[in-house]
Amino acid sequence: MTAQATHERDLAVVIGLEVHVQLETETKVFCGCSTDLGGAEPNTHTCPTCLGLPGALPVLNEAAVESAVKLGKAIDAEIPQQTRFHRKNYYYPDLPKNFQITQYDAPLCQDGRLEIGVEGERREIGIERAHLEEDPGSLQHEGGNIETADHTLVNYNRAGIPLMEIVTRPDFRSPKETRAFLAKLEEVLEYLGIFDSQRDGSLRVDANISLVDGEDVEEDGFIDAETLAAANRTEVKNISSHKGAEKALAYEVTRQKNAVRRGREIEQETRHWDESRGITVSMRSKEEEKDYRYFPEYDLPVLRVADWTSKIDIPELPDARRERFREEYGLGEEAASKLTSTKQVADFYEDLARDFEPDLAATWVADDLLGELNYRDMAVTDVEDRLDEVRRLVELVSGGEITAKNAREIVLREMLDSGTDPDAVVQKRDLGKTDDDAVAAAVTEAIEENPEAVADLESGDDGAINFLVGQVMGKTGGSADPGQVNRLLRERLDG
C-alpha cells in the first residue's frame, strides 16, 4: 500500500467491503424465472425452485458463470481449476429455503486487485474473493422503518436473482477511498456489460470497520494480521450507493472514535445504515463464520471452468481505453477521463471522432453534451436513442451551417428540453448562418453607430473589439461567425 493511514489521537481506520452486484442475465441463477422485475406485482416472478419448495432442484445459469469469469479476468484474479457451491444456513423471512446457495472455501475468483485514484494518489485495493450466489427476497416495512414499522411484507421476486459478492481486503484507510473504489468497480462492471447501475437494488454494500492503534500501522499503511484479528469489527449494512458508503462510514468512524475517547469498548455487532436520518443503528451481535454452518450443495455438481476461461474475452477496460484516448486522439487527462466515464460515452465519442476532428468531437461530447446532461441530472443512456441527432448537430457546426455558440446555447438545449431535432430548431429559430453580404453590412452599421468604441480601439484599447463584435452578433441574431466578424472589423478599421 502507498497511502498513509488516517490518524486521529493514535487511532487508525481500517475498512473492508463486501459488495453485492446484480449480474445482468435474463433468468435467475438457479431457475428459469425472469430477472426483469420492473413494475412486477409482488411474488409473481417465482417458481418452486426459487421458493425452495420440496423436491425442486437448482440448475446453474451458464450466463451468470460467464459474467463471473469476465469479472475475474478484469480484476486479475486467480480462477481455480474447479469450484463448488455450498449452503449457507440462516433464517430470515426473505430467504424461503432457510439457506442460501453460495460459495464458501472455493470461490470462483480469488486474490484479485483493483487500482483506484484518490486525490491524485494511486492505490491498489486487494480483492480477497468474488463468488456467485443467489439473492434473497426483499422486505417492505409498512408504517415506518426497520425499527418502527407496524408490520413487514415479504416479496420473493428477487429470490434467486444472480449476485456476485466481491470481498475486498481491509485495505481502505478512509471512507473517501471506499467511495472511489465503488465508483471504479461499477465502471469496470458496466464496461464488461454484466451490470446495469440503473436497476433498482443492483448494488448493495456491507462495510466492516475497525479502529486500531496508530502505532500498529506501518509507514506504507500495512497492518499485520494479528492486529486486524484482535480489533473488534462493526459491520454496517443497507448501503446502496457510492455517496451512501462514504456518509455511512464517516458517521461510523466518528461514532467509534467518540466511544473510545469516552473509555467505551467497541462492540462487535451488525448495524443498519438509516439513510433518512444519516445514522447507524444497532441490529444484532455480529455473526461468525461458524454460525452459518456451511456444507456442500450436493444438488449442484462441481463446476470446472479453467478450460472455458481462456475462451471468454473481455473488452478494453476503462483505464486502458483512457490511456489509448490520450495517445490516439491527443487528448488531455481530464478530457480522456470524461470521455471514458462510461462505455456509452466512450463509444459515442469514438463514433464522432471517426468523422470529425477529434478535438471538435471531444469538446462536443465531454463539455457540451455531458455538461447539459449533468445540469438536467441525466446520463447518456437517457438520450442514447437520440445520439444521431447530436451527431447531426455537430455536422451542422462542422459544415459551417450554424455557429458553435448557437448550437451550444440554443439548439442543444432545446433538443434536450423539448425533444425537437436539430434541423427543426434551426429552422424554427432562423439560426442559419448569415451570408457574407449581410455580415459585412452589420459590421458597417456597428462601426458607424459606435464611434466611441472605434476611437478606444484606435487608441490602443484592444478590448473594445469585443464590444463591436457583440454589436454585430446582435444585429445578425447570433448567426454570424464571431471569428469572421472579428476579422472583418479589424480589416475595416485597420484600412
Protein backbone atom coordinates (compact mmCIF):
# COMPACT_ATOMS: atom_id res chain seq x y z
CA MET A 1 0.00 0.00 0.00
CA THR A 2 1.11 3.51 -0.66
CA ALA A 3 -1.35 5.67 1.27
CA GLN A 4 -0.77 6.79 4.81
CA ALA A 5 -3.32 5.52 7.31
CA THR A 6 -5.70 8.09 8.71
CA HIS A 7 -4.61 9.01 12.24
CA GLU A 8 -6.50 10.87 14.91
CA ARG A 9 -5.47 10.66 18.56
CA ASP A 10 -3.46 7.49 17.90
CA LEU A 11 -6.34 5.73 16.16
CA ALA A 12 -6.26 4.45 12.59
CA VAL A 13 -9.22 3.46 10.45
CA VAL A 14 -9.42 0.01 8.82
CA ILE A 15 -12.24 -0.73 6.36
CA GLY A 16 -13.10 -3.74 4.22
CA LEU A 17 -16.07 -4.06 1.88
CA GLU A 18 -18.45 -6.79 0.81
CA VAL A 19 -20.09 -5.60 -2.40
CA HIS A 20 -23.10 -7.42 -3.84
CA VAL A 21 -23.74 -6.69 -7.52
CA GLN A 22 -26.64 -8.00 -9.57
CA LEU A 23 -25.45 -9.69 -12.74
CA GLU A 24 -27.25 -8.89 -15.99
CA THR A 25 -28.85 -12.19 -17.01
CA GLU A 26 -32.29 -12.84 -18.45
CA THR A 27 -33.16 -15.50 -15.89
CA LYS A 28 -32.35 -16.23 -12.26
CA VAL A 29 -29.21 -18.05 -11.26
CA PHE A 30 -30.75 -21.46 -10.42
CA CYS A 31 -34.12 -21.41 -12.23
CA GLY A 32 -35.84 -20.05 -15.34
CA CYS A 33 -37.74 -17.15 -13.72
CA SER A 34 -37.26 -13.78 -15.42
CA THR A 35 -35.00 -11.19 -13.81
CA ASP A 36 -36.96 -8.34 -15.43
CA LEU A 37 -38.81 -7.22 -12.31
CA GLY A 38 -39.65 -3.67 -13.39
CA GLY A 39 -43.19 -2.88 -12.22
CA ALA A 40 -43.97 -6.53 -11.45
CA GLU A 41 -46.55 -7.33 -8.81
CA PRO A 42 -45.06 -8.89 -5.64
CA ASN A 43 -44.42 -12.63 -5.74
CA THR A 44 -45.20 -13.02 -9.46
CA HIS A 45 -41.65 -13.91 -10.62
CA THR A 46 -41.37 -17.10 -8.62
CA CYS A 47 -41.34 -20.85 -9.11
CA PRO A 48 -40.91 -23.93 -6.89
CA THR A 49 -37.11 -23.68 -7.15
CA CYS A 50 -36.65 -20.06 -6.06
CA LEU A 51 -39.36 -20.52 -3.41
CA GLY A 52 -37.49 -23.53 -2.00
CA LEU A 53 -40.42 -25.94 -2.31
CA PRO A 54 -39.70 -29.63 -1.55
CA GLY A 55 -38.35 -31.60 -4.48
CA ALA A 56 -37.39 -28.57 -6.60
CA LEU A 57 -33.77 -28.74 -7.79
CA PRO A 58 -31.43 -25.90 -8.84
CA VAL A 59 -29.90 -25.71 -12.33
CA LEU A 60 -26.92 -23.32 -12.72
CA ASN A 61 -27.28 -20.40 -15.16
CA GLU A 62 -24.39 -20.52 -17.67
CA ALA A 63 -24.62 -16.77 -18.41
CA ALA A 64 -24.11 -15.98 -14.71
CA VAL A 65 -20.95 -18.09 -14.65
CA GLU A 66 -19.64 -16.39 -17.80
CA SER A 67 -20.25 -12.97 -16.22
CA ALA A 68 -18.38 -14.01 -13.09
CA VAL A 69 -15.42 -15.24 -15.15
CA LYS A 70 -15.32 -11.90 -17.01
CA LEU A 71 -15.12 -10.06 -13.72
CA GLY A 72 -12.36 -12.38 -12.52
CA LYS A 73 -10.29 -11.64 -15.61
CA ALA A 74 -10.92 -7.89 -15.27
CA ILE A 75 -9.64 -7.77 -11.68
CA ASP A 76 -6.69 -10.04 -12.49
CA ALA A 77 -7.97 -12.72 -10.14
CA GLU A 78 -6.97 -16.35 -9.99
CA ILE A 79 -9.71 -18.60 -11.38
CA PRO A 80 -9.21 -22.12 -9.96
CA GLN A 81 -9.40 -25.38 -11.87
CA GLN A 82 -12.68 -26.21 -10.18
CA THR A 83 -15.10 -24.60 -7.78
CA ARG A 84 -18.22 -25.64 -5.95
CA PHE A 85 -21.32 -24.35 -4.19
CA HIS A 86 -22.32 -24.53 -0.53
CA ARG A 87 -25.39 -23.93 1.58
CA LYS A 88 -25.13 -21.01 3.99
CA ASN A 89 -27.69 -21.62 6.72
CA TYR A 90 -29.50 -18.81 8.44
CA TYR A 91 -33.10 -17.74 8.91
CA TYR A 92 -34.61 -14.58 7.54
CA PRO A 93 -38.20 -14.12 6.35
CA ASP A 94 -37.00 -13.27 2.84
CA LEU A 95 -34.89 -16.44 2.47
CA PRO A 96 -37.53 -19.06 1.62
CA LYS A 97 -35.29 -22.16 1.81
CA ASN A 98 -33.75 -21.07 5.15
CA PHE A 99 -30.37 -21.42 3.43
CA GLN A 100 -28.62 -19.51 0.66
CA ILE A 101 -26.79 -21.24 -2.17
CA THR A 102 -23.41 -19.53 -2.28
CA GLN A 103 -19.69 -20.39 -2.39
CA TYR A 104 -17.57 -20.96 0.67
CA ASP A 105 -14.00 -22.27 0.54
CA ALA A 106 -13.65 -22.46 -3.27
CA PRO A 107 -14.85 -19.14 -4.73
CA LEU A 108 -14.83 -18.65 -8.48
CA CYS A 109 -12.41 -15.68 -8.30
CA GLN A 110 -9.56 -15.42 -5.80
CA ASP A 111 -6.81 -12.93 -4.98
CA GLY A 112 -7.62 -10.09 -7.38
CA ARG A 113 -6.93 -6.36 -7.29
CA LEU A 114 -8.30 -3.04 -8.49
CA GLU A 115 -6.40 0.24 -8.70
CA ILE A 116 -8.11 3.46 -7.65
CA GLY A 117 -7.14 7.13 -7.64
CA VAL A 118 -7.77 9.31 -4.58
CA GLU A 119 -6.69 12.96 -4.57
CA GLY A 120 -4.02 12.34 -7.19
CA GLU A 121 -2.59 9.25 -5.49
CA ARG A 122 -2.90 5.72 -6.91
CA ARG A 123 -3.90 2.92 -4.54
CA GLU A 124 -4.19 -0.79 -5.19
CA ILE A 125 -7.05 -2.45 -3.31
CA GLY A 126 -6.76 -6.20 -2.81
CA ILE A 127 -9.81 -8.31 -3.60
CA GLU A 128 -9.78 -11.43 -1.49
CA ARG A 129 -12.54 -13.22 -3.37
CA ALA A 130 -15.52 -12.85 -5.66
CA HIS A 131 -18.15 -15.56 -5.75
CA LEU A 132 -21.55 -16.39 -7.19
CA GLU A 133 -24.64 -16.65 -5.03
CA GLU A 134 -28.40 -16.12 -5.08
CA ASP A 135 -30.20 -13.09 -3.75
CA PRO A 136 -32.85 -13.47 -1.05
CA GLY A 137 -36.23 -11.81 -1.46
CA SER A 138 -36.94 -8.30 -0.20
CA LEU A 139 -38.73 -6.85 2.82
CA GLN A 140 -41.10 -3.90 2.76
CA HIS A 141 -41.53 -2.22 6.13
CA GLU A 142 -45.03 -0.76 6.43
CA GLY A 143 -45.76 2.28 8.58
CA GLY A 144 -42.15 3.07 9.42
CA ASN A 145 -38.56 1.85 9.09
CA ILE A 146 -36.88 -1.35 10.20
CA GLU A 147 -37.24 -0.27 13.85
CA THR A 148 -40.70 1.31 13.88
CA ALA A 149 -42.75 -0.48 11.19
CA ASP A 150 -46.25 -1.73 12.09
CA HIS A 151 -45.61 -4.84 10.04
CA THR A 152 -43.35 -6.12 7.28
CA LEU A 153 -44.31 -7.59 3.90
CA VAL A 154 -42.16 -10.13 2.04
CA ASN A 155 -41.69 -10.10 -1.74
CA TYR A 156 -39.92 -13.16 -3.18
CA ASN A 157 -39.50 -11.77 -6.70
CA ARG A 158 -35.79 -11.10 -6.04
CA ALA A 159 -35.21 -14.56 -4.55
CA GLY A 160 -32.73 -16.28 -6.85
CA ILE A 161 -31.51 -13.16 -8.69
CA PRO A 162 -27.82 -13.83 -9.60
CA LEU A 163 -25.37 -11.94 -7.43
CA MET A 164 -21.62 -11.61 -7.40
CA GLU A 165 -20.27 -10.92 -3.92
CA ILE A 166 -16.93 -9.10 -4.08
CA VAL A 167 -14.97 -9.16 -0.83
CA THR A 168 -12.04 -6.78 -0.51
CA ARG A 169 -9.12 -7.00 1.84
CA PRO A 170 -9.15 -4.47 4.73
CA ASP A 171 -7.11 -2.06 2.61
CA PHE A 172 -9.18 1.11 2.95
CA ARG A 173 -7.94 3.78 5.31
CA SER A 174 -10.73 6.34 4.87
CA PRO A 175 -14.40 6.49 3.81
CA LYS A 176 -13.36 8.58 0.78
CA GLU A 177 -11.32 5.65 -0.55
CA THR A 178 -14.34 3.35 -0.38
CA ARG A 179 -16.36 5.76 -2.49
CA ALA A 180 -13.60 5.90 -5.12
CA PHE A 181 -13.39 2.10 -5.16
CA LEU A 182 -17.14 1.63 -5.63
CA ALA A 183 -17.18 4.14 -8.49
CA LYS A 184 -14.26 2.36 -10.18
CA LEU A 185 -15.78 -1.09 -9.64
CA GLU A 186 -19.11 -0.01 -11.11
CA GLU A 187 -17.28 1.49 -14.09
CA VAL A 188 -15.47 -1.81 -14.76
CA LEU A 189 -18.66 -3.86 -14.36
CA GLU A 190 -20.52 -1.70 -16.86
CA TYR A 191 -17.66 -1.87 -19.37
CA LEU A 192 -17.85 -5.66 -19.08
CA GLY A 193 -21.56 -5.50 -19.93
CA ILE A 194 -22.54 -7.60 -16.90
CA PHE A 195 -24.13 -4.91 -14.71
CA ASP A 196 -26.74 -2.17 -15.00
CA SER A 197 -26.47 0.56 -12.38
CA GLN A 198 -29.98 1.78 -13.26
CA ARG A 199 -31.62 -1.39 -11.96
CA ASP A 200 -33.21 -0.99 -8.53
CA GLY A 201 -31.07 -2.73 -5.91
CA SER A 202 -28.33 -3.61 -8.39
CA LEU A 203 -25.53 -2.69 -5.97
CA ARG A 204 -25.53 -3.16 -2.20
CA VAL A 205 -22.64 -2.75 0.18
CA ASP A 206 -21.79 -4.14 3.60
CA ALA A 207 -18.80 -2.47 5.22
CA ASN A 208 -16.62 -3.79 8.02
CA ILE A 209 -14.87 -1.10 10.02
CA SER A 210 -12.36 -1.28 12.88
CA LEU A 211 -10.13 1.12 14.76
CA VAL A 212 -6.56 0.13 15.62
CA ASP A 213 -3.75 1.89 17.44
CA GLY A 214 -1.87 4.22 15.14
CA GLU A 215 1.39 2.68 16.36
CA ASP A 216 0.38 -0.63 14.73
CA VAL A 217 0.22 0.94 11.28
CA GLU A 218 3.44 0.86 9.29
CA GLU A 219 4.75 3.74 7.19
CA ASP A 220 3.16 2.39 3.99
CA GLY A 221 -0.19 1.72 5.70
CA PHE A 222 0.38 -2.02 6.27
CA ILE A 223 -1.29 -3.61 9.32
CA ASP A 224 -0.34 -7.16 10.33
CA ALA A 225 -2.91 -9.97 10.52
CA GLU A 226 -2.64 -10.34 14.30
CA THR A 227 -3.58 -6.70 14.86
CA LEU A 228 -6.51 -6.98 12.46
CA ALA A 229 -7.77 -10.16 14.11
CA ALA A 230 -7.68 -8.54 17.56
CA ALA A 231 -9.73 -5.49 16.51
CA ASN A 232 -13.47 -5.55 17.08
CA ARG A 233 -15.23 -5.16 13.74
CA THR A 234 -18.54 -3.43 13.22
CA GLU A 235 -20.47 -4.35 10.10
CA VAL A 236 -22.66 -1.66 8.53
CA LYS A 237 -25.47 -2.89 6.25
CA ASN A 238 -28.07 -1.31 3.95
CA ILE A 239 -25.68 0.84 1.90
CA SER A 240 -26.81 1.25 -1.69
CA SER A 241 -24.62 3.95 -3.30
CA HIS A 242 -21.08 5.36 -3.50
CA LYS A 243 -22.13 8.50 -1.67
CA GLY A 244 -24.06 6.47 0.90
CA ALA A 245 -20.97 4.37 1.65
CA GLU A 246 -18.85 7.44 2.32
CA LYS A 247 -21.52 9.02 4.52
CA ALA A 248 -22.27 5.84 6.49
CA LEU A 249 -18.61 5.12 7.15
CA ALA A 250 -17.81 8.72 8.04
CA TYR A 251 -20.59 8.57 10.63
CA GLU A 252 -19.38 5.22 11.96
CA VAL A 253 -15.75 6.42 12.22
CA THR A 254 -16.90 9.38 14.29
CA ARG A 255 -19.18 7.21 16.47
CA GLN A 256 -16.43 4.70 17.23
CA LYS A 257 -13.76 7.32 17.93
CA ASN A 258 -16.09 9.14 20.29
CA ALA A 259 -16.81 5.87 22.10
CA VAL A 260 -13.10 5.13 22.50
CA ARG A 261 -12.43 8.63 23.83
CA ARG A 262 -15.11 8.04 26.47
CA GLY A 263 -13.47 4.79 27.50
CA ARG A 264 -16.11 2.52 25.97
CA GLU A 265 -15.32 -0.71 24.17
CA ILE A 266 -16.41 -1.08 20.55
CA GLU A 267 -18.88 -3.95 20.33
CA GLN A 268 -18.59 -6.48 17.54
CA GLU A 269 -22.02 -6.03 16.03
CA THR A 270 -24.04 -5.52 12.87
CA ARG A 271 -25.50 -2.05 12.40
CA HIS A 272 -28.09 -0.72 9.96
CA TRP A 273 -27.44 2.46 7.95
CA ASP A 274 -30.53 4.64 8.19
CA GLU A 275 -30.03 6.93 5.22
CA SER A 276 -33.01 9.15 6.01
CA ARG A 277 -31.56 10.05 9.43
CA GLY A 278 -27.90 9.78 8.48
CA ILE A 279 -27.04 7.42 11.36
CA THR A 280 -26.27 3.77 12.00
CA VAL A 281 -28.40 1.79 14.47
CA SER A 282 -27.61 -1.50 16.18
CA MET A 283 -29.33 -4.58 14.69
CA ARG A 284 -27.74 -7.61 16.33
CA SER A 285 -24.47 -9.08 17.51
CA LYS A 286 -22.25 -9.91 14.56
CA GLU A 287 -22.38 -13.49 13.35
CA GLU A 288 -19.22 -15.51 12.99
CA GLU A 289 -18.40 -17.97 10.24
CA LYS A 290 -19.34 -20.97 12.40
CA ASP A 291 -22.85 -19.56 12.87
CA TYR A 292 -23.68 -20.21 9.21
CA ARG A 293 -22.95 -23.98 9.30
CA TYR A 294 -21.72 -24.18 5.71
CA PHE A 295 -21.97 -27.56 4.00
CA PRO A 296 -21.75 -28.61 0.33
CA GLU A 297 -24.70 -28.12 -2.01
CA TYR A 298 -24.91 -31.65 -3.37
CA ASP A 299 -27.71 -30.79 -5.81
CA LEU A 300 -25.10 -28.89 -7.89
CA PRO A 301 -22.07 -30.69 -9.34
CA VAL A 302 -18.51 -29.41 -9.07
CA LEU A 303 -18.02 -26.51 -11.52
CA ARG A 304 -14.98 -26.71 -13.81
CA VAL A 305 -14.28 -23.51 -15.76
CA ALA A 306 -10.50 -23.47 -16.28
CA ASP A 307 -10.59 -24.51 -19.95
CA TRP A 308 -13.59 -22.29 -20.62
CA THR A 309 -11.93 -19.23 -19.09
CA SER A 310 -9.37 -18.87 -21.88
CA LYS A 311 -12.17 -18.71 -24.45
CA ILE A 312 -14.04 -15.86 -22.76
CA ASP A 313 -12.90 -12.45 -23.98
CA ILE A 314 -13.32 -9.19 -22.13
CA PRO A 315 -13.50 -5.73 -23.74
CA GLU A 316 -11.00 -2.91 -23.38
CA LEU A 317 -11.34 -1.70 -19.77
CA PRO A 318 -11.65 1.95 -18.64
CA ASP A 319 -8.00 2.58 -17.70
CA ALA A 320 -6.67 1.08 -20.92
CA ARG A 321 -9.20 3.00 -23.01
CA ARG A 322 -8.33 6.22 -21.19
CA GLU A 323 -4.66 5.77 -22.00
CA ARG A 324 -5.42 4.94 -25.63
CA PHE A 325 -7.58 8.06 -26.00
CA ARG A 326 -4.67 10.19 -24.79
CA GLU A 327 -2.26 8.57 -27.22
CA GLU A 328 -4.50 8.08 -30.27
CA TYR A 329 -6.52 11.29 -30.13
CA GLY A 330 -4.07 13.58 -28.35
CA LEU A 331 -6.49 14.28 -25.51
CA GLY A 332 -5.56 15.70 -22.12
CA GLU A 333 -6.06 13.66 -18.96
CA GLU A 334 -9.26 15.47 -17.92
CA ALA A 335 -10.92 15.11 -21.33
CA ALA A 336 -9.89 11.44 -21.60
CA SER A 337 -11.36 10.77 -18.14
CA LYS A 338 -14.67 12.41 -19.01
CA LEU A 339 -14.88 10.62 -22.34
CA THR A 340 -14.34 7.20 -20.77
CA SER A 341 -16.57 7.77 -17.73
CA THR A 342 -18.99 5.21 -19.16
CA LYS A 343 -18.75 2.81 -22.05
CA GLN A 344 -21.66 4.54 -23.80
CA VAL A 345 -19.90 7.92 -23.66
CA ALA A 346 -16.63 6.42 -24.92
CA ASP A 347 -18.36 4.58 -27.77
CA PHE A 348 -20.19 7.73 -28.87
CA TYR A 349 -17.01 9.80 -28.79
CA GLU A 350 -15.13 7.31 -30.95
CA ASP A 351 -18.05 7.21 -33.37
CA LEU A 352 -17.88 11.01 -33.74
CA ALA A 353 -14.07 11.10 -33.86
CA ARG A 354 -14.12 8.86 -36.94
CA ASP A 355 -15.97 11.55 -38.94
CA PHE A 356 -14.94 14.83 -37.28
CA GLU A 357 -11.77 16.31 -35.84
CA PRO A 358 -11.00 14.54 -32.52
CA ASP A 359 -10.78 17.86 -30.65
CA LEU A 360 -14.15 19.01 -32.01
CA ALA A 361 -15.75 15.70 -31.12
CA ALA A 362 -14.18 15.82 -27.63
CA THR A 363 -15.49 19.34 -26.99
CA TRP A 364 -18.99 18.40 -28.04
CA VAL A 365 -19.18 15.20 -26.01
CA ALA A 366 -17.09 15.99 -22.91
CA ASP A 367 -18.05 19.64 -22.45
CA ASP A 368 -21.27 20.45 -24.27
CA LEU A 369 -23.33 17.25 -24.22
CA LEU A 370 -22.22 15.93 -20.82
CA GLY A 371 -22.42 19.40 -19.32
CA GLU A 372 -26.02 19.88 -20.42
CA LEU A 373 -26.97 16.34 -19.35
CA ASN A 374 -25.39 16.79 -15.92
CA TYR A 375 -27.28 20.06 -15.48
CA ARG A 376 -30.51 18.13 -16.09
CA ASP A 377 -29.45 15.20 -13.89
CA MET A 378 -29.42 12.96 -16.95
CA ALA A 379 -26.97 10.43 -18.38
CA VAL A 380 -26.03 9.48 -21.94
CA THR A 381 -28.19 6.38 -21.53
CA ASP A 382 -31.22 8.68 -21.25
CA VAL A 383 -30.61 10.01 -24.78
CA GLU A 384 -28.92 7.03 -26.42
CA ASP A 385 -31.76 6.76 -28.94
CA ARG A 386 -31.09 10.41 -29.97
CA LEU A 387 -27.33 10.35 -30.41
CA ASP A 388 -27.81 10.52 -34.20
CA GLU A 389 -29.41 13.92 -33.63
CA VAL A 390 -26.37 15.07 -31.64
CA ARG A 391 -24.19 13.85 -34.49
CA ARG A 392 -26.30 15.90 -36.90
CA LEU A 393 -25.81 18.98 -34.71
CA VAL A 394 -22.03 18.52 -34.80
CA GLU A 395 -22.31 18.11 -38.57
CA LEU A 396 -24.16 21.43 -38.83
CA VAL A 397 -21.41 23.19 -36.88
CA SER A 398 -18.57 21.44 -38.70
CA GLY A 399 -20.12 22.32 -42.07
CA GLY A 400 -20.45 25.98 -41.14
CA GLU A 401 -24.26 25.95 -41.36
CA ILE A 402 -24.74 27.34 -37.83
CA THR A 403 -22.40 28.88 -35.30
CA ALA A 404 -20.98 26.81 -32.46
CA LYS A 405 -22.41 29.33 -30.00
CA ASN A 406 -25.94 28.96 -31.28
CA ALA A 407 -25.56 25.21 -31.49
CA ARG A 408 -24.48 25.00 -27.84
CA GLU A 409 -26.65 27.64 -26.25
CA ILE A 410 -29.86 27.31 -28.26
CA VAL A 411 -30.13 24.18 -30.38
CA LEU A 412 -28.70 21.58 -27.97
CA ARG A 413 -30.66 22.93 -25.01
CA GLU A 414 -33.93 23.00 -26.92
CA MET A 415 -33.25 19.49 -28.24
CA LEU A 416 -32.89 18.16 -24.68
CA ASP A 417 -35.75 20.17 -23.21
CA SER A 418 -38.38 19.70 -25.92
CA GLY A 419 -37.26 16.60 -27.82
CA THR A 420 -37.04 18.57 -31.08
CA ASP A 421 -34.48 17.51 -33.70
CA PRO A 422 -31.66 19.99 -34.54
CA ASP A 423 -32.79 20.87 -38.07
CA ALA A 424 -36.25 21.76 -36.78
CA VAL A 425 -34.78 24.01 -34.08
CA VAL A 426 -32.51 25.76 -36.59
CA GLN A 427 -35.44 26.37 -38.95
CA LYS A 428 -37.81 27.46 -36.18
CA ARG A 429 -35.30 29.90 -34.66
CA ASP A 430 -33.91 31.03 -38.06
CA LEU A 431 -30.38 30.20 -36.93
CA GLY A 432 -28.83 29.52 -40.32
CA LYS A 433 -25.55 31.43 -40.71
CA THR A 434 -25.93 34.93 -42.14
CA ASP A 435 -24.48 35.36 -45.65
CA ASP A 436 -21.28 37.36 -46.15
CA ASP A 437 -23.03 40.47 -47.53
CA ALA A 438 -25.35 40.68 -44.53
CA VAL A 439 -22.43 40.27 -42.12
CA ALA A 440 -20.47 43.00 -43.93
CA ALA A 441 -23.48 45.33 -43.71
CA ALA A 442 -23.82 44.64 -39.97
CA VAL A 443 -20.11 45.42 -39.50
CA THR A 444 -20.55 48.76 -41.26
CA GLU A 445 -23.56 49.64 -39.11
CA ALA A 446 -21.73 48.72 -35.88
CA ILE A 447 -18.77 50.94 -36.79
CA GLU A 448 -20.97 53.89 -37.72
CA GLU A 449 -23.18 53.59 -34.62
CA ASN A 450 -20.34 53.23 -32.09
CA PRO A 451 -17.68 55.92 -32.74
CA GLU A 452 -16.50 55.88 -29.09
CA ALA A 453 -15.67 52.19 -29.22
CA VAL A 454 -13.89 52.71 -32.55
CA ALA A 455 -11.87 55.56 -31.00
CA ASP A 456 -10.98 53.39 -27.99
CA LEU A 457 -9.77 50.65 -30.29
CA GLU A 458 -7.71 53.06 -32.37
CA SER A 459 -6.12 54.45 -29.20
CA GLY A 460 -4.89 51.00 -28.22
CA ASP A 461 -7.76 49.59 -26.13
CA ASP A 462 -7.92 46.19 -27.79
CA GLY A 463 -10.79 45.13 -25.55
CA ALA A 464 -13.11 47.45 -27.47
CA ILE A 465 -13.13 44.95 -30.32
CA ASN A 466 -15.18 42.59 -28.17
CA PHE A 467 -17.87 45.25 -27.76
CA LEU A 468 -18.04 45.78 -31.50
CA VAL A 469 -18.17 42.04 -32.19
CA GLY A 470 -21.09 41.83 -29.76
CA GLN A 471 -22.91 44.60 -31.60
CA VAL A 472 -22.54 42.74 -34.91
CA MET A 473 -23.64 39.46 -33.38
CA GLY A 474 -26.74 41.18 -32.02
CA LYS A 475 -27.60 42.61 -35.42
CA THR A 476 -27.26 39.18 -37.05
CA GLY A 477 -29.23 37.37 -34.34
CA GLY A 478 -26.10 35.50 -33.28
CA SER A 479 -25.91 33.72 -36.62
CA ALA A 480 -22.65 35.28 -37.79
CA ASP A 481 -19.33 33.58 -37.14
CA PRO A 482 -17.56 35.53 -34.35
CA GLY A 483 -14.14 34.86 -35.86
CA GLN A 484 -15.24 36.20 -39.24
CA VAL A 485 -16.77 39.27 -37.57
CA ASN A 486 -13.56 39.97 -35.65
CA ARG A 487 -11.52 39.70 -38.85
CA LEU A 488 -13.86 41.98 -40.85
CA LEU A 489 -13.87 44.63 -38.12
CA ARG A 490 -10.07 44.73 -37.93
CA GLU A 491 -9.73 44.85 -41.74
CA ARG A 492 -12.15 47.78 -41.96
CA LEU A 493 -10.63 49.73 -39.07
CA ASP A 494 -7.00 48.99 -39.95
CA GLY A 495 -7.66 50.09 -43.51
